[in-house]
Amino acid sequence: MIRIDKNESPYRALAEDEISALAIDTHFNKYADNEYEKLQESYAAYNGLDPHLVSFANGSDEWIQKAMIILGEGPALILDPDFVMYEEYAIQFKRPLIKVDAKADMTFDYEEVFEKIKEYRPSVFIFSQPSNPFGMMHPVEFIEKAAELMEEVKGYLIIDEAYAEFLEELPSYPEGDHVIRFRTLSKVYGLAGLRIGVAMSTEKTMNVLNSIAHPYPLNTFSLNIAHYLLNQPERLSDFIELNRKLAKELQLIFHEEAGEHISILKSHTNFLFTHGKKALELGAYVKQHGFQPRMYPELDHPTLKEAVRYSIATTEEMAELRQIVRKWSDSQ
């Protein structure tokens, strides 16, 4: 079964001989020395950031968990649906949860979000940008207003940019002690299994988040692999562009081969969200033919009952997927 349900890169960014050399050169019998600081410098240099305001943890999940532990004592505000771990970690630490449900057309009422902030005064408002599972972009004007309101209620606005690098140009977001941005090297960098999550904010806020950091937040091999890759900017840019092209191809496949039968949301990520009864039929057909998309039988959210999400695969696998989707469409 070819897995296209986890939003991973289908390729590794490095060749086997490079990985082998890095493994041999990683002295995992010893604790990390200055490898963490080297990654701070290389990640910041590649992304045009201040290395002192960038920190790493064991995946973005750990940053979400830290946020739920330490950022105030009030409720967490989330959009629903969104990345499932926001709710999971809020529940873990018994943080009250406020939700704003998606409308039937898979958009959100941003005025409702503003009213929830004013009414409940959340300590944390976290959302994915681009959105997971929809793949859409929230307007910058919404984020600016939300940031303003969260500052007024003395809470934190967290923008989870797990898929940000799939955008050709990153939007400009509000800044301040109350604004935190999370990213990851799991998606467009192709390092999902190494679990490298990134947090960025002001010095004051990073000190708060890092006050519960582990002494060695990442293993030495992960640090060395990421540092090595980030120090080859042209090669890394080519790899990112490859993933972007695969994302565009995924959209073309479904629009060209099944667009007249199913509803498809415009995506700014490496996955595609489809919905409707016909989308469920196609999802089942694709699964029968060897590809595993993401379906949501375990969830009761009305926007996910008839949803199927597909993420990118290798070039050869995508060509096979196109033939499967075309064959299904021809039978309709």
Protein backbone atom coordinates (compact mmCIF):
# COMPACT_ATOMS: atom_id res chain seq x y z
CA MET A 1 0.00 0.00 0.00
CA ILE A 2 1.38 3.41 -1.01
CA ARG A 3 0.75 5.84 1.83
CA ILE A 4 -0.51 9.25 0.72
CA ASP A 5 -2.20 10.10 4.00
CA LYS A 6 0.57 11.65 6.14
CA ASN A 7 1.60 14.78 4.20
CA GLU A 8 5.25 13.69 4.02
CA SER A 9 7.80 14.28 1.29
CA PRO A 10 8.11 11.11 -0.83
CA TYR A 11 11.84 11.72 -1.31
CA ARG A 12 14.88 12.05 0.94
CA ALA A 13 16.87 15.23 0.42
CA LEU A 14 20.23 13.46 0.76
CA ALA A 15 21.85 10.51 -1.02
CA GLU A 16 22.55 7.25 0.79
CA ASP A 17 26.33 7.75 0.82
CA GLU A 18 25.91 11.18 2.40
CA ILE A 19 23.60 9.80 5.07
CA SER A 20 26.04 6.98 5.77
CA ALA A 21 28.94 9.40 6.12
CA LEU A 22 26.94 11.62 8.47
CA ALA A 23 25.94 8.60 10.57
CA ILE A 24 29.58 7.49 10.88
CA ASP A 25 30.62 11.03 11.78
CA THR A 26 27.91 11.34 14.46
CA HIS A 27 29.40 10.46 17.82
CA PHE A 28 26.17 9.26 19.37
CA ASN A 29 28.08 7.72 22.28
CA LYS A 30 28.48 11.30 23.53
CA TYR A 31 26.01 14.06 24.34
CA ALA A 32 25.60 16.83 21.79
CA ASP A 33 28.09 19.65 22.21
CA ASN A 34 27.57 22.67 19.94
CA GLU A 35 25.48 20.94 17.26
CA TYR A 36 22.31 22.68 18.45
CA GLU A 37 23.87 26.14 18.09
CA LYS A 38 25.18 25.21 14.62
CA LEU A 39 21.65 24.30 13.52
CA GLN A 40 20.33 27.59 14.93
CA GLU A 41 22.84 29.45 12.80
CA SER A 42 22.28 27.44 9.60
CA TYR A 43 18.47 27.50 9.84
CA ALA A 44 18.45 31.22 10.58
CA ALA A 45 20.87 31.97 7.72
CA TYR A 46 18.80 30.01 5.20
CA ASN A 47 15.54 31.65 6.30
CA GLY A 48 16.81 35.17 7.00
CA LEU A 49 16.16 35.03 10.76
CA ASP A 50 17.93 35.95 13.98
CA PRO A 51 19.51 32.70 15.28
CA HIS A 52 19.01 33.83 18.89
CA LEU A 53 15.24 33.91 18.34
CA VAL A 54 14.97 30.40 16.85
CA SER A 55 14.66 27.27 18.97
CA PHE A 56 14.12 23.59 18.21
CA ALA A 57 12.19 20.75 19.81
CA ASN A 58 11.20 17.16 19.04
CA GLY A 59 8.79 18.06 16.26
CA SER A 60 6.19 20.82 16.20
CA ASP A 61 4.10 18.59 18.43
CA GLU A 62 6.44 19.29 21.33
CA TRP A 63 6.12 23.03 20.80
CA ILE A 64 2.33 22.73 20.80
CA GLN A 65 2.56 20.70 23.99
CA LYS A 66 4.86 23.28 25.63
CA ALA A 67 2.45 26.06 24.66
CA MET A 68 -0.42 24.25 26.37
CA ILE A 69 1.70 23.71 29.49
CA ILE A 70 3.17 27.12 30.07
CA LEU A 71 1.37 29.94 28.23
CA GLY A 72 -1.04 31.30 30.81
CA GLU A 73 -3.88 29.49 32.54
CA GLY A 74 -6.86 30.56 30.43
CA PRO A 75 -8.61 28.63 27.66
CA ALA A 76 -7.17 27.66 24.30
CA LEU A 77 -9.04 28.85 21.23
CA ILE A 78 -8.87 26.70 18.10
CA LEU A 79 -10.58 26.41 14.74
CA ASP A 80 -12.42 23.17 14.04
CA PRO A 81 -11.31 21.26 12.11
CA ASP A 82 -7.62 22.04 12.36
CA PHE A 83 -4.51 20.07 13.30
CA VAL A 84 -5.84 17.49 15.75
CA MET A 85 -2.95 17.82 18.21
CA TYR A 86 -4.05 21.29 19.33
CA GLU A 87 -7.08 19.72 20.96
CA GLU A 88 -5.21 16.62 22.12
CA TYR A 89 -2.60 18.59 24.05
CA ALA A 90 -5.18 20.99 25.50
CA ILE A 91 -7.06 17.96 26.85
CA GLN A 92 -3.81 16.42 28.17
CA PHE A 93 -3.20 19.41 30.39
CA LYS A 94 -6.84 20.04 31.21
CA ARG A 95 -6.83 23.43 29.53
CA PRO A 96 -10.37 24.66 28.72
CA LEU A 97 -11.03 24.56 24.98
CA ILE A 98 -13.03 27.00 22.87
CA LYS A 99 -13.82 26.07 19.26
CA VAL A 100 -14.99 27.98 16.20
CA ASP A 101 -16.55 25.51 13.77
CA ALA A 102 -16.05 25.67 10.03
CA LYS A 103 -19.06 26.60 7.95
CA ALA A 104 -20.60 24.20 5.44
CA ASP A 105 -18.41 25.65 2.66
CA MET A 106 -15.21 24.89 4.65
CA THR A 107 -14.56 28.54 5.48
CA PHE A 108 -14.61 30.21 8.88
CA ASP A 109 -16.57 33.12 10.28
CA TYR A 110 -13.70 35.35 11.40
CA GLU A 111 -16.06 37.74 13.17
CA GLU A 112 -17.06 34.79 15.36
CA VAL A 113 -13.38 34.25 16.17
CA PHE A 114 -13.04 37.88 17.24
CA GLU A 115 -16.12 37.62 19.44
CA LYS A 116 -14.78 34.44 21.09
CA ILE A 117 -11.51 36.21 21.91
CA LYS A 118 -13.36 39.11 23.49
CA GLU A 119 -15.75 36.85 25.42
CA TYR A 120 -13.44 34.08 26.66
CA ARG A 121 -10.08 35.93 26.79
CA PRO A 122 -8.04 32.85 25.78
CA SER A 123 -4.43 32.49 26.84
CA VAL A 124 -3.67 30.77 23.53
CA PHE A 125 -5.16 31.05 20.05
CA ILE A 126 -3.46 28.56 17.73
CA PHE A 127 -4.22 27.76 14.09
CA SER A 128 -2.45 26.36 11.06
CA GLN A 129 -1.52 28.65 8.15
CA PRO A 130 -1.96 27.23 5.50
CA SER A 131 -4.81 25.27 7.06
CA ASN A 132 -4.64 21.57 7.84
CA PRO A 133 -6.81 19.76 6.70
CA PHE A 134 -8.28 22.22 4.17
CA GLY A 135 -5.08 23.59 2.62
CA MET A 136 -6.51 27.10 2.39
CA MET A 137 -4.95 30.39 3.53
CA HIS A 138 -6.45 32.54 6.24
CA PRO A 139 -6.42 36.23 5.23
CA VAL A 140 -3.60 38.32 6.66
CA GLU A 141 -6.19 40.91 7.73
CA PHE A 142 -7.81 38.29 9.95
CA ILE A 143 -4.46 37.41 11.53
CA GLU A 144 -3.62 41.06 12.14
CA LYS A 145 -6.96 41.68 13.87
CA ALA A 146 -6.68 38.46 15.89
CA ALA A 147 -3.16 39.45 16.99
CA GLU A 148 -4.43 42.85 18.10
CA LEU A 149 -7.24 41.30 20.13
CA MET A 150 -5.01 38.63 21.69
CA GLU A 151 -2.63 41.35 22.83
CA GLU A 152 -5.57 43.18 24.42
CA VAL A 153 -6.59 40.08 26.41
CA LYS A 154 -2.93 39.35 27.28
CA GLY A 155 -2.88 36.06 25.39
CA TYR A 156 -0.63 34.50 22.76
CA LEU A 157 -1.35 34.14 19.05
CA ILE A 158 0.39 31.06 17.61
CA ILE A 159 0.69 30.71 13.84
CA ASP A 160 1.53 27.11 12.95
CA GLU A 161 3.35 27.34 9.61
CA ALA A 162 4.04 23.64 9.04
CA TYR A 163 3.32 24.05 5.30
CA ALA A 164 4.54 27.64 4.87
CA GLU A 165 7.39 26.75 2.51
CA PHE A 166 4.93 25.49 -0.09
CA LEU A 167 4.05 29.14 -0.68
CA GLU A 168 6.09 30.93 -3.33
CA GLU A 169 6.11 34.03 -1.13
CA LEU A 170 5.51 34.13 2.62
CA PRO A 171 3.03 36.70 3.94
CA SER A 172 4.08 39.30 6.47
CA TYR A 173 2.64 38.62 9.93
CA PRO A 174 2.28 40.72 13.09
CA GLU A 175 5.16 40.70 15.55
CA GLY A 176 5.50 41.16 19.29
CA ASP A 177 5.89 39.26 22.53
CA HIS A 178 2.36 37.85 22.09
CA VAL A 179 3.01 36.36 18.61
CA ILE A 180 4.68 32.96 18.18
CA ARG A 181 5.36 31.10 14.94
CA PHE A 182 5.93 27.36 14.67
CA ARG A 183 7.50 25.63 11.67
CA THR A 184 8.88 22.19 10.96
CA LEU A 185 11.51 20.41 8.90
CA SER A 186 9.12 17.47 8.47
CA LYS A 187 7.33 18.58 5.30
CA VAL A 188 9.10 20.42 2.50
CA TYR A 189 12.57 19.63 3.93
CA GLY A 190 11.83 15.89 3.83
CA LEU A 191 12.99 15.19 7.42
CA ALA A 192 9.74 13.94 8.99
CA GLY A 193 11.34 10.99 10.77
CA LEU A 194 14.02 13.17 12.39
CA ARG A 195 11.39 15.20 14.30
CA ILE A 196 12.66 18.80 14.12
CA GLY A 197 10.16 21.45 15.13
CA VAL A 198 10.94 25.16 15.09
CA ALA A 199 9.62 27.99 17.27
CA MET A 200 10.19 31.71 16.68
CA SER A 201 9.22 34.79 18.67
CA THR A 202 10.81 37.59 20.66
CA GLU A 203 13.58 36.98 23.19
CA LYS A 204 11.13 37.42 26.08
CA THR A 205 8.67 34.85 24.76
CA MET A 206 11.31 32.36 23.66
CA ASN A 207 12.67 32.47 27.21
CA VAL A 208 9.21 31.50 28.46
CA LEU A 209 8.90 28.58 26.03
CA ASN A 210 12.46 27.43 26.66
CA SER A 211 12.02 27.56 30.43
CA ILE A 212 10.69 24.00 30.17
CA ALA A 213 13.11 22.83 27.48
CA HIS A 214 15.00 19.55 27.77
CA PRO A 215 18.79 19.73 28.23
CA TYR A 216 19.25 18.01 24.83
CA PRO A 217 16.03 18.68 22.87
CA LEU A 218 17.18 16.93 19.68
CA ASN A 219 19.37 13.92 19.05
CA THR A 220 22.78 14.55 17.51
CA PHE A 221 22.06 12.72 14.26
CA SER A 222 18.98 14.87 13.55
CA LEU A 223 21.00 17.99 14.30
CA ASN A 224 23.83 16.93 11.99
CA ILE A 225 21.57 15.93 9.10
CA ALA A 226 19.60 19.18 9.22
CA HIS A 227 22.74 21.33 9.58
CA TYR A 228 24.38 19.57 6.62
CA LEU A 229 21.32 20.05 4.40
CA LEU A 230 20.81 23.71 5.32
CA ASN A 231 24.43 24.44 4.42
CA GLN A 232 23.69 23.56 0.80
CA PRO A 233 21.23 26.34 -0.02
CA GLU A 234 21.04 25.83 -3.79
CA ARG A 235 20.49 22.11 -3.43
CA LEU A 236 17.92 22.60 -0.67
CA SER A 237 16.08 25.18 -2.76
CA ASP A 238 15.93 22.68 -5.63
CA PHE A 239 14.55 20.04 -3.28
CA ILE A 240 11.90 22.41 -1.99
CA GLU A 241 10.95 23.29 -5.55
CA LEU A 242 10.62 19.57 -6.36
CA ASN A 243 8.11 19.18 -3.53
CA ARG A 244 6.22 22.25 -4.72
CA LYS A 245 6.01 20.82 -8.23
CA LEU A 246 4.66 17.55 -6.89
CA ALA A 247 2.02 19.50 -4.96
CA LYS A 248 0.98 21.30 -8.15
CA GLU A 249 0.87 18.01 -10.04
CA LEU A 250 -1.35 16.49 -7.36
CA GLN A 251 -3.84 19.30 -7.84
CA LEU A 252 -3.72 18.93 -11.62
CA ILE A 253 -4.41 15.21 -11.42
CA PHE A 254 -7.63 15.62 -9.49
CA HIS A 255 -8.84 18.74 -11.27
CA GLU A 256 -8.17 17.32 -14.73
CA GLU A 257 -9.26 13.74 -14.13
CA ALA A 258 -12.08 14.09 -11.57
CA GLY A 259 -12.94 17.77 -11.28
CA GLU A 260 -16.35 17.34 -12.90
CA HIS A 261 -17.35 14.69 -10.36
CA ILE A 262 -15.97 15.81 -6.99
CA SER A 263 -15.49 19.01 -5.00
CA ILE A 264 -11.87 20.06 -4.51
CA LEU A 265 -10.51 22.87 -2.33
CA LYS A 266 -7.67 25.04 -3.57
CA SER A 267 -4.56 24.01 -1.65
CA HIS A 268 -1.36 25.82 -0.69
CA THR A 269 0.20 22.67 0.80
CA ASN A 270 1.49 19.24 -0.21
CA PHE A 271 -1.99 17.72 0.17
CA LEU A 272 -5.39 18.12 -1.45
CA PHE A 273 -8.77 18.13 0.30
CA THR A 274 -11.75 16.65 -1.55
CA HIS A 275 -15.30 16.25 -0.27
CA GLY A 276 -18.75 14.95 -1.11
CA LYS A 277 -20.32 11.53 -1.66
CA LYS A 278 -18.47 11.09 -4.95
CA ALA A 279 -15.22 12.04 -3.23
CA LEU A 280 -15.77 9.21 -0.76
CA GLU A 281 -16.42 6.80 -3.64
CA LEU A 282 -13.22 7.89 -5.37
CA GLY A 283 -11.27 7.60 -2.13
CA ALA A 284 -12.45 4.03 -1.65
CA TYR A 285 -11.59 3.24 -5.27
CA VAL A 286 -8.10 4.68 -4.92
CA LYS A 287 -7.57 2.63 -1.77
CA GLN A 288 -8.72 -0.54 -3.54
CA HIS A 289 -6.04 0.13 -6.14
CA GLY A 290 -3.11 0.37 -3.76
CA PHE A 291 -3.01 3.97 -2.49
CA GLN A 292 -3.96 4.93 1.08
CA PRO A 293 -5.50 8.44 1.27
CA ARG A 294 -6.57 10.10 4.51
CA MET A 295 -10.22 9.52 5.35
CA TYR A 296 -11.98 10.43 8.59
CA PRO A 297 -14.29 7.61 9.70
CA GLU A 298 -13.29 8.14 13.35
CA LEU A 299 -14.31 11.81 13.43
CA ASP A 300 -17.80 13.20 13.76
CA HIS A 301 -17.17 16.69 12.40
CA PRO A 302 -19.72 17.45 9.65
CA THR A 303 -17.11 18.87 7.25
CA LEU A 304 -15.04 15.67 7.49
CA LYS A 305 -17.75 13.02 7.17
CA GLU A 306 -17.45 13.03 3.37
CA ALA A 307 -13.84 14.19 3.10
CA VAL A 308 -10.79 12.53 1.55
CA ARG A 309 -7.32 14.09 1.68
CA TYR A 310 -4.44 13.09 -0.60
CA SER A 311 -0.78 13.98 -0.13
CA ILE A 312 2.06 13.92 -2.65
CA ALA A 313 3.92 10.82 -3.83
CA THR A 314 6.90 10.14 -6.09
CA THR A 315 6.70 11.14 -9.75
CA GLU A 316 6.17 7.52 -10.80
CA GLU A 317 3.51 6.97 -8.13
CA MET A 318 1.71 10.16 -9.12
CA ALA A 319 1.55 8.97 -12.72
CA GLU A 320 0.00 5.71 -11.51
CA LEU A 321 -2.43 7.64 -9.32
CA ARG A 322 -3.51 9.71 -12.34
CA GLN A 323 -4.38 6.54 -14.24
CA ILE A 324 -6.43 5.24 -11.30
CA VAL A 325 -8.37 8.49 -10.95
CA ARG A 326 -8.95 8.65 -14.71
CA LYS A 327 -10.25 5.08 -14.78
CA TRP A 328 -12.69 5.88 -11.97
CA SER A 329 -13.89 9.02 -13.75
CA ASP A 330 -14.43 7.14 -16.99
CA SER A 331 -16.79 4.80 -15.15
CA GLN A 332 -19.01 7.61 -13.89
